[in-house]
Amino acid sequence: KGRFTISRDNAKNNVTLQMNALKPEDTAVYYC
């Protein structure tokens, strides 16, 4: 919270995850 932002654009059939201020503990495989 406060670092990541989720958004979607239904017209473009797309969802995004903006990740800022990344930390080593964020290391992972990310799945939509």
PDB file of all heavy atoms in Angstrom:
ATOM      1  N   LYS A   1       0.830  -1.197   0.000  1.00  0.00           N
ATOM      2  CA  LYS A   1       0.000   0.000   0.000  1.00  0.00           C
ATOM      3  C   LYS A   1       0.870   1.256   0.000  1.00  0.00           C
ATOM      4  O   LYS A   1       1.812   1.375   0.772  1.00  0.00           O
ATOM      5  CB  LYS A   1      -0.930  -0.016   1.209  1.00  0.00           C
ATOM      6  CG  LYS A   1      -2.016   1.042   1.185  1.00  0.00           C
ATOM      7  CD  LYS A   1      -2.991   0.850   2.346  1.00  0.00           C
ATOM      8  CE  LYS A   1      -3.712  -0.478   2.254  1.00  0.00           C
ATOM      9  NZ  LYS A   1      -4.720  -0.649   3.331  1.00  0.00           N
ATOM     10  N   GLY A   2       0.534   2.172  -0.889  1.00  0.00           N
ATOM     11  CA  GLY A   2       1.298   3.393  -1.028  1.00  0.00           C
ATOM     12  C   GLY A   2       2.433   3.301  -2.015  1.00  0.00           C
ATOM     13  O   GLY A   2       2.998   4.333  -2.405  1.00  0.00           O
ATOM     14  N   ARG A   3       2.791   2.093  -2.426  1.00  0.00           N
ATOM     15  CA  ARG A   3       3.873   1.890  -3.383  1.00  0.00           C
ATOM     16  C   ARG A   3       3.391   1.344  -4.718  1.00  0.00           C
ATOM     17  O   ARG A   3       3.944   1.676  -5.760  1.00  0.00           O
ATOM     18  CB  ARG A   3       4.923   0.939  -2.804  1.00  0.00           C
ATOM     19  CG  ARG A   3       5.554   1.428  -1.509  1.00  0.00           C
ATOM     20  CD  ARG A   3       6.719   0.532  -1.092  1.00  0.00           C
ATOM     21  NE  ARG A   3       6.279  -0.838  -0.817  1.00  0.00           N
ATOM     22  CZ  ARG A   3       6.721  -1.915  -1.459  1.00  0.00           C
ATOM     23  NH1 ARG A   3       7.627  -1.782  -2.421  1.00  0.00           N
ATOM     24  NH2 ARG A   3       6.282  -3.123  -1.136  1.00  0.00           N
ATOM     25  N   PHE A   4       2.375   0.496  -4.678  1.00  0.00           N
ATOM     26  CA  PHE A   4       1.850  -0.138  -5.884  1.00  0.00           C
ATOM     27  C   PHE A   4       0.508   0.476  -6.253  1.00  0.00           C
ATOM     28  O   PHE A   4      -0.270   0.874  -5.383  1.00  0.00           O
ATOM     29  CB  PHE A   4       1.653  -1.641  -5.679  1.00  0.00           C
ATOM     30  CG  PHE A   4       2.912  -2.447  -5.553  1.00  0.00           C
ATOM     31  CD1 PHE A   4       4.143  -1.842  -5.393  1.00  0.00           C
ATOM     32  CD2 PHE A   4       2.853  -3.833  -5.597  1.00  0.00           C
ATOM     33  CE1 PHE A   4       5.303  -2.586  -5.270  1.00  0.00           C
ATOM     34  CE2 PHE A   4       4.002  -4.589  -5.474  1.00  0.00           C
ATOM     35  CZ  PHE A   4       5.224  -3.964  -5.312  1.00  0.00           C
ATOM     36  N   THR A   5       0.222   0.517  -7.546  1.00  0.00           N
ATOM     37  CA  THR A   5      -1.051   1.011  -8.045  1.00  0.00           C
ATOM     38  C   THR A   5      -1.586   0.061  -9.104  1.00  0.00           C
ATOM     39  O   THR A   5      -0.890  -0.233 -10.078  1.00  0.00           O
ATOM     40  CB  THR A   5      -0.923   2.415  -8.640  1.00  0.00           C
ATOM     41  OG1 THR A   5      -0.408   3.314  -7.657  1.00  0.00           O
ATOM     42  CG2 THR A   5      -2.283   2.921  -9.111  1.00  0.00           C
ATOM     43  N   ILE A   6      -2.804  -0.416  -8.909  1.00  0.00           N
ATOM     44  CA  ILE A   6      -3.458  -1.254  -9.894  1.00  0.00           C
ATOM     45  C   ILE A   6      -4.460  -0.408 -10.670  1.00  0.00           C
ATOM     46  O   ILE A   6      -5.128   0.457 -10.103  1.00  0.00           O
ATOM     47  CB  ILE A   6      -4.151  -2.469  -9.244  1.00  0.00           C
ATOM     48  CG1 ILE A   6      -4.671  -3.440 -10.309  1.00  0.00           C
ATOM     49  CG2 ILE A   6      -5.262  -2.040  -8.306  1.00  0.00           C
ATOM     50  CD1 ILE A   6      -5.190  -4.763  -9.735  1.00  0.00           C
ATOM     51  N   SER A   7      -4.555  -0.647 -11.959  1.00  0.00           N
ATOM     52  CA  SER A   7      -5.510   0.071 -12.788  1.00  0.00           C
ATOM     53  C   SER A   7      -5.932  -0.818 -13.946  1.00  0.00           C
ATOM     54  O   SER A   7      -5.274  -1.819 -14.255  1.00  0.00           O
ATOM     55  CB  SER A   7      -4.919   1.389 -13.300  1.00  0.00           C
ATOM     56  OG  SER A   7      -3.781   1.149 -14.107  1.00  0.00           O
ATOM     57  N   ARG A   8      -7.033  -0.454 -14.568  1.00  0.00           N
ATOM     58  CA  ARG A   8      -7.496  -1.215 -15.714  1.00  0.00           C
ATOM     59  C   ARG A   8      -8.065  -0.285 -16.766  1.00  0.00           C
ATOM     60  O   ARG A   8      -8.578   0.795 -16.462  1.00  0.00           O
ATOM     61  CB  ARG A   8      -8.540  -2.266 -15.303  1.00  0.00           C
ATOM     62  CG  ARG A   8      -9.872  -1.698 -14.841  1.00  0.00           C
ATOM     63  CD  ARG A   8     -10.764  -2.799 -14.247  1.00  0.00           C
ATOM     64  NE  ARG A   8     -11.088  -3.822 -15.223  1.00  0.00           N
ATOM     65  CZ  ARG A   8     -11.590  -5.025 -14.912  1.00  0.00           C
ATOM     66  NH1 ARG A   8     -11.797  -5.341 -13.636  1.00  0.00           N
ATOM     67  NH2 ARG A   8     -11.865  -5.894 -15.878  1.00  0.00           N
ATOM     68  N   ASP A   9      -7.979  -0.717 -17.995  1.00  0.00           N
ATOM     69  CA  ASP A   9      -8.543  -0.003 -19.125  1.00  0.00           C
ATOM     70  C   ASP A   9      -9.363  -1.021 -19.892  1.00  0.00           C
ATOM     71  O   ASP A   9      -8.832  -1.789 -20.690  1.00  0.00           O
ATOM     72  CB  ASP A   9      -7.452   0.612 -19.993  1.00  0.00           C
ATOM     73  CG  ASP A   9      -8.004   1.500 -21.087  1.00  0.00           C
ATOM     74  OD1 ASP A   9      -9.175   1.340 -21.470  1.00  0.00           O
ATOM     75  OD2 ASP A   9      -7.252   2.365 -21.571  1.00  0.00           O
ATOM     76  N   ASN A  10     -10.653  -1.034 -19.629  1.00  0.00           N
ATOM     77  CA  ASN A  10     -11.500  -2.044 -20.247  1.00  0.00           C
ATOM     78  C   ASN A  10     -11.578  -1.896 -21.762  1.00  0.00           C
ATOM     79  O   ASN A  10     -11.735  -2.889 -22.476  1.00  0.00           O
ATOM     80  CB  ASN A  10     -12.900  -1.987 -19.637  1.00  0.00           C
ATOM     81  CG  ASN A  10     -12.919  -2.458 -18.204  1.00  0.00           C
ATOM     82  OD1 ASN A  10     -12.030  -3.174 -17.757  1.00  0.00           O
ATOM     83  ND2 ASN A  10     -13.955  -2.065 -17.463  1.00  0.00           N
ATOM     84  N   ALA A  11     -11.471  -0.671 -22.250  1.00  0.00           N
ATOM     85  CA  ALA A  11     -11.513  -0.462 -23.690  1.00  0.00           C
ATOM     86  C   ALA A  11     -10.324  -1.108 -24.384  1.00  0.00           C
ATOM     87  O   ALA A  11     -10.420  -1.509 -25.545  1.00  0.00           O
ATOM     88  CB  ALA A  11     -11.564   1.030 -24.009  1.00  0.00           C
ATOM     89  N   LYS A  12      -9.202  -1.204 -23.679  1.00  0.00           N
ATOM     90  CA  LYS A  12      -7.999  -1.809 -24.234  1.00  0.00           C
ATOM     91  C   LYS A  12      -7.764  -3.230 -23.728  1.00  0.00           C
ATOM     92  O   LYS A  12      -6.736  -3.838 -24.044  1.00  0.00           O
ATOM     93  CB  LYS A  12      -6.780  -0.948 -23.923  1.00  0.00           C
ATOM     94  CG  LYS A  12      -6.832   0.442 -24.542  1.00  0.00           C
ATOM     95  CD  LYS A  12      -5.585   1.239 -24.224  1.00  0.00           C
ATOM     96  CE  LYS A  12      -5.628   2.608 -24.871  1.00  0.00           C
ATOM     97  NZ  LYS A  12      -4.421   3.408 -24.550  1.00  0.00           N
ATOM     98  N   ASN A  13      -8.674  -3.744 -22.921  1.00  0.00           N
ATOM     99  CA  ASN A  13      -8.543  -5.094 -22.360  1.00  0.00           C
ATOM    100  C   ASN A  13      -7.202  -5.268 -21.658  1.00  0.00           C
ATOM    101  O   ASN A  13      -6.446  -6.210 -21.932  1.00  0.00           O
ATOM    102  CB  ASN A  13      -8.715  -6.150 -23.449  1.00  0.00           C
ATOM    103  CG  ASN A  13     -10.126  -6.217 -23.984  1.00  0.00           C
ATOM    104  OD1 ASN A  13     -11.070  -5.747 -23.355  1.00  0.00           O
ATOM    105  ND2 ASN A  13     -10.286  -6.814 -25.154  1.00  0.00           N
ATOM    106  N   ASN A  14      -6.915  -4.371 -20.737  1.00  0.00           N
ATOM    107  CA  ASN A  14      -5.608  -4.366 -20.103  1.00  0.00           C
ATOM    108  C   ASN A  14      -5.723  -3.986 -18.630  1.00  0.00           C
ATOM    109  O   ASN A  14      -6.529  -3.127 -18.265  1.00  0.00           O
ATOM    110  CB  ASN A  14      -4.689  -3.379 -20.821  1.00  0.00           C
ATOM    111  CG  ASN A  14      -3.284  -3.367 -20.252  1.00  0.00           C
ATOM    112  OD1 ASN A  14      -2.519  -4.315 -20.438  1.00  0.00           O
ATOM    113  ND2 ASN A  14      -2.936  -2.289 -19.560  1.00  0.00           N
ATOM    114  N   VAL A  15      -4.925  -4.633 -17.803  1.00  0.00           N
ATOM    115  CA  VAL A  15      -4.786  -4.255 -16.403  1.00  0.00           C
ATOM    116  C   VAL A  15      -3.301  -4.125 -16.103  1.00  0.00           C
ATOM    117  O   VAL A  15      -2.487  -4.917 -16.599  1.00  0.00           O
ATOM    118  CB  VAL A  15      -5.473  -5.274 -15.460  1.00  0.00           C
ATOM    119  CG1 VAL A  15      -4.874  -6.664 -15.621  1.00  0.00           C
ATOM    120  CG2 VAL A  15      -5.390  -4.807 -14.018  1.00  0.00           C
ATOM    121  N   THR A  16      -2.942  -3.121 -15.327  1.00  0.00           N
ATOM    122  CA  THR A  16      -1.543  -2.862 -15.039  1.00  0.00           C
ATOM    123  C   THR A  16      -1.293  -2.819 -13.540  1.00  0.00           C
ATOM    124  O   THR A  16      -2.202  -2.598 -12.743  1.00  0.00           O
ATOM    125  CB  THR A  16      -1.068  -1.539 -15.656  1.00  0.00           C
ATOM    126  OG1 THR A  16      -1.786  -0.449 -15.061  1.00  0.00           O
ATOM    127  CG2 THR A  16      -1.286  -1.526 -17.156  1.00  0.00           C
ATOM    128  N   LEU A  17      -0.054  -3.048 -13.170  1.00  0.00           N
ATOM    129  CA  LEU A  17       0.398  -2.893 -11.799  1.00  0.00           C
ATOM    130  C   LEU A  17       1.651  -2.038 -11.828  1.00  0.00           C
ATOM    131  O   LEU A  17       2.706  -2.498 -12.261  1.00  0.00           O
ATOM    132  CB  LEU A  17       0.680  -4.241 -11.143  1.00  0.00           C
ATOM    133  CG  LEU A  17       1.054  -4.181  -9.660  1.00  0.00           C
ATOM    134  CD1 LEU A  17      -0.152  -3.747  -8.822  1.00  0.00           C
ATOM    135  CD2 LEU A  17       1.576  -5.529  -9.176  1.00  0.00           C
ATOM    136  N   GLN A  18       1.521  -0.793 -11.404  1.00  0.00           N
ATOM    137  CA  GLN A  18       2.653   0.104 -11.294  1.00  0.00           C
ATOM    138  C   GLN A  18       3.300  -0.105  -9.939  1.00  0.00           C
ATOM    139  O   GLN A  18       2.647   0.047  -8.905  1.00  0.00           O
ATOM    140  CB  GLN A  18       2.208   1.559 -11.455  1.00  0.00           C
ATOM    141  CG  GLN A  18       3.323   2.577 -11.305  1.00  0.00           C
ATOM    142  CD  GLN A  18       4.339   2.494 -12.420  1.00  0.00           C
ATOM    143  OE1 GLN A  18       3.983   2.400 -13.590  1.00  0.00           O
ATOM    144  NE2 GLN A  18       5.617   2.514 -12.065  1.00  0.00           N
ATOM    145  N   MET A  19       4.571  -0.451  -9.928  1.00  0.00           N
ATOM    146  CA  MET A  19       5.287  -0.765  -8.705  1.00  0.00           C
ATOM    147  C   MET A  19       6.412   0.237  -8.523  1.00  0.00           C
ATOM    148  O   MET A  19       7.337   0.294  -9.329  1.00  0.00           O
ATOM    149  CB  MET A  19       5.836  -2.189  -8.743  1.00  0.00           C
ATOM    150  CG  MET A  19       4.780  -3.247  -9.030  1.00  0.00           C
ATOM    151  SD  MET A  19       5.425  -4.943  -8.926  1.00  0.00           S
ATOM    152  CE  MET A  19       6.568  -4.914 -10.305  1.00  0.00           C
ATOM    153  N   ASN A  20       6.322   1.022  -7.462  1.00  0.00           N
ATOM    154  CA  ASN A  20       7.328   2.020  -7.138  1.00  0.00           C
ATOM    155  C   ASN A  20       7.993   1.681  -5.813  1.00  0.00           C
ATOM    156  O   ASN A  20       7.474   0.902  -5.017  1.00  0.00           O
ATOM    157  CB  ASN A  20       6.698   3.412  -7.057  1.00  0.00           C
ATOM    158  CG  ASN A  20       6.089   3.869  -8.358  1.00  0.00           C
ATOM    159  OD1 ASN A  20       6.591   3.567  -9.439  1.00  0.00           O
ATOM    160  ND2 ASN A  20       4.995   4.624  -8.262  1.00  0.00           N
ATOM    161  N   ALA A  21       9.134   2.299  -5.576  1.00  0.00           N
ATOM    162  CA  ALA A  21       9.875   2.098  -4.328  1.00  0.00           C
ATOM    163  C   ALA A  21      10.034   0.616  -4.014  1.00  0.00           C
ATOM    164  O   ALA A  21       9.781   0.165  -2.896  1.00  0.00           O
ATOM    165  CB  ALA A  21       9.184   2.832  -3.181  1.00  0.00           C
ATOM    166  N   LEU A  22      10.464  -0.131  -5.000  1.00  0.00           N
ATOM    167  CA  LEU A  22      10.562  -1.577  -4.853  1.00  0.00           C
ATOM    168  C   LEU A  22      11.596  -1.971  -3.808  1.00  0.00           C
ATOM    169  O   LEU A  22      12.626  -1.311  -3.651  1.00  0.00           O
ATOM    170  CB  LEU A  22      10.891  -2.213  -6.194  1.00  0.00           C
ATOM    171  CG  LEU A  22       9.702  -2.299  -7.151  1.00  0.00           C
ATOM    172  CD1 LEU A  22      10.174  -2.534  -8.581  1.00  0.00           C
ATOM    173  CD2 LEU A  22       8.759  -3.414  -6.714  1.00  0.00           C
ATOM    174  N   LYS A  23      11.296  -3.064  -3.120  1.00  0.00           N
ATOM    175  CA  LYS A  23      12.148  -3.604  -2.077  1.00  0.00           C
ATOM    176  C   LYS A  23      12.559  -5.023  -2.437  1.00  0.00           C
ATOM    177  O   LYS A  23      11.850  -5.704  -3.176  1.00  0.00           O
ATOM    178  CB  LYS A  23      11.409  -3.615  -0.741  1.00  0.00           C
ATOM    179  CG  LYS A  23      10.848  -2.276  -0.308  1.00  0.00           C
ATOM    180  CD  LYS A  23      10.016  -2.426   0.955  1.00  0.00           C
ATOM    181  CE  LYS A  23       9.426  -1.101   1.386  1.00  0.00           C
ATOM    182  NZ  LYS A  23       8.590  -1.252   2.609  1.00  0.00           N
ATOM    183  N   PRO A  24      13.686  -5.503  -1.914  1.00  0.00           N
ATOM    184  CA  PRO A  24      14.081  -6.886  -2.201  1.00  0.00           C
ATOM    185  C   PRO A  24      13.000  -7.899  -1.857  1.00  0.00           C
ATOM    186  O   PRO A  24      12.873  -8.919  -2.550  1.00  0.00           O
ATOM    187  CB  PRO A  24      15.327  -7.079  -1.336  1.00  0.00           C
ATOM    188  CG  PRO A  24      15.918  -5.712  -1.246  1.00  0.00           C
ATOM    189  CD  PRO A  24      14.735  -4.787  -1.161  1.00  0.00           C
ATOM    190  N   GLU A  25      12.223  -7.640  -0.826  1.00  0.00           N
ATOM    191  CA  GLU A  25      11.163  -8.565  -0.454  1.00  0.00           C
ATOM    192  C   GLU A  25      10.004  -8.601  -1.441  1.00  0.00           C
ATOM    193  O   GLU A  25       9.105  -9.432  -1.311  1.00  0.00           O
ATOM    194  CB  GLU A  25      10.630  -8.259   0.955  1.00  0.00           C
ATOM    195  CG  GLU A  25      10.285  -6.796   1.174  1.00  0.00           C
ATOM    196  CD  GLU A  25      11.399  -6.021   1.856  1.00  0.00           C
ATOM    197  OE1 GLU A  25      12.569  -6.183   1.445  1.00  0.00           O
ATOM    198  OE2 GLU A  25      11.105  -5.264   2.799  1.00  0.00           O
ATOM    199  N   ASP A  26      10.001  -7.705  -2.420  1.00  0.00           N
ATOM    200  CA  ASP A  26       9.017  -7.763  -3.492  1.00  0.00           C
ATOM    201  C   ASP A  26       9.379  -8.789  -4.562  1.00  0.00           C
ATOM    202  O   ASP A  26       8.579  -9.037  -5.463  1.00  0.00           O
ATOM    203  CB  ASP A  26       8.855  -6.390  -4.154  1.00  0.00           C
ATOM    204  CG  ASP A  26       8.281  -5.344  -3.215  1.00  0.00           C
ATOM    205  OD1 ASP A  26       7.351  -5.675  -2.452  1.00  0.00           O
ATOM    206  OD2 ASP A  26       8.751  -4.198  -3.255  1.00  0.00           O
ATOM    207  N   THR A  27      10.566  -9.348  -4.484  1.00  0.00           N
ATOM    208  CA  THR A  27      11.006 -10.326  -5.472  1.00  0.00           C
ATOM    209  C   THR A  27      10.083 -11.534  -5.475  1.00  0.00           C
ATOM    210  O   THR A  27       9.849 -12.157  -4.440  1.00  0.00           O
ATOM    211  CB  THR A  27      12.447 -10.764  -5.180  1.00  0.00           C
ATOM    212  OG1 THR A  27      13.322  -9.647  -5.325  1.00  0.00           O
ATOM    213  CG2 THR A  27      12.880 -11.866  -6.133  1.00  0.00           C
ATOM    214  N   ALA A  28       9.553 -11.862  -6.641  1.00  0.00           N
ATOM    215  CA  ALA A  28       8.607 -12.965  -6.770  1.00  0.00           C
ATOM    216  C   ALA A  28       8.209 -13.105  -8.230  1.00  0.00           C
ATOM    217  O   ALA A  28       8.520 -12.250  -9.061  1.00  0.00           O
ATOM    218  CB  ALA A  28       7.361 -12.727  -5.911  1.00  0.00           C
ATOM    219  N   VAL A  29       7.509 -14.181  -8.521  1.00  0.00           N
ATOM    220  CA  VAL A  29       6.812 -14.296  -9.790  1.00  0.00           C
ATOM    221  C   VAL A  29       5.442 -13.668  -9.608  1.00  0.00           C
ATOM    222  O   VAL A  29       4.718 -14.005  -8.666  1.00  0.00           O
ATOM    223  CB  VAL A  29       6.678 -15.757 -10.249  1.00  0.00           C
ATOM    224  CG1 VAL A  29       5.864 -15.844 -11.537  1.00  0.00           C
ATOM    225  CG2 VAL A  29       8.053 -16.379 -10.451  1.00  0.00           C
ATOM    226  N   TYR A  30       5.088 -12.764 -10.487  1.00  0.00           N
ATOM    227  CA  TYR A  30       3.824 -12.055 -10.403  1.00  0.00           C
ATOM    228  C   TYR A  30       2.853 -12.597 -11.441  1.00  0.00           C
ATOM    229  O   TYR A  30       3.207 -12.779 -12.605  1.00  0.00           O
ATOM    230  CB  TYR A  30       4.029 -10.554 -10.611  1.00  0.00           C
ATOM    231  CG  TYR A  30       4.607  -9.863  -9.400  1.00  0.00           C
ATOM    232  CD1 TYR A  30       5.923 -10.082  -9.021  1.00  0.00           C
ATOM    233  CD2 TYR A  30       3.823  -9.012  -8.616  1.00  0.00           C
ATOM    234  CE1 TYR A  30       6.450  -9.467  -7.895  1.00  0.00           C
ATOM    235  CE2 TYR A  30       4.347  -8.391  -7.496  1.00  0.00           C
ATOM    236  CZ  TYR A  30       5.654  -8.621  -7.138  1.00  0.00           C
ATOM    237  OH  TYR A  30       6.178  -8.004  -6.020  1.00  0.00           O
ATOM    238  N   TYR A  31       1.623 -12.835 -10.997  1.00  0.00           N
ATOM    239  CA  TYR A  31       0.587 -13.407 -11.842  1.00  0.00           C
ATOM    240  C   TYR A  31      -0.616 -12.479 -11.921  1.00  0.00           C
ATOM    241  O   TYR A  31      -1.061 -11.930 -10.911  1.00  0.00           O
ATOM    242  CB  TYR A  31       0.105 -14.749 -11.290  1.00  0.00           C
ATOM    243  CG  TYR A  31       1.158 -15.821 -11.211  1.00  0.00           C
ATOM    244  CD1 TYR A  31       1.943 -15.964 -10.078  1.00  0.00           C
ATOM    245  CD2 TYR A  31       1.355 -16.703 -12.266  1.00  0.00           C
ATOM    246  CE1 TYR A  31       2.900 -16.952  -9.986  1.00  0.00           C
ATOM    247  CE2 TYR A  31       2.305 -17.700 -12.183  1.00  0.00           C
ATOM    248  CZ  TYR A  31       3.072 -17.825 -11.045  1.00  0.00           C
ATOM    249  OH  TYR A  31       4.013 -18.815 -10.967  1.00  0.00           O
ATOM    250  N   CYS A  32      -1.145 -12.347 -13.095  1.00  0.00           N
ATOM    251  CA  CYS A  32      -2.423 -11.693 -13.311  1.00  0.00           C
ATOM    252  C   CYS A  32      -3.516 -12.753 -13.277  1.00  0.00           C
ATOM    253  O   CYS A  32      -3.333 -13.860 -13.798  1.00  0.00           O
ATOM    254  CB  CYS A  32      -2.408 -10.969 -14.660  1.00  0.00           C
ATOM    255  SG  CYS A  32      -3.943 -10.142 -15.107  1.00  0.00           S
TER     256      CYS A  32
END
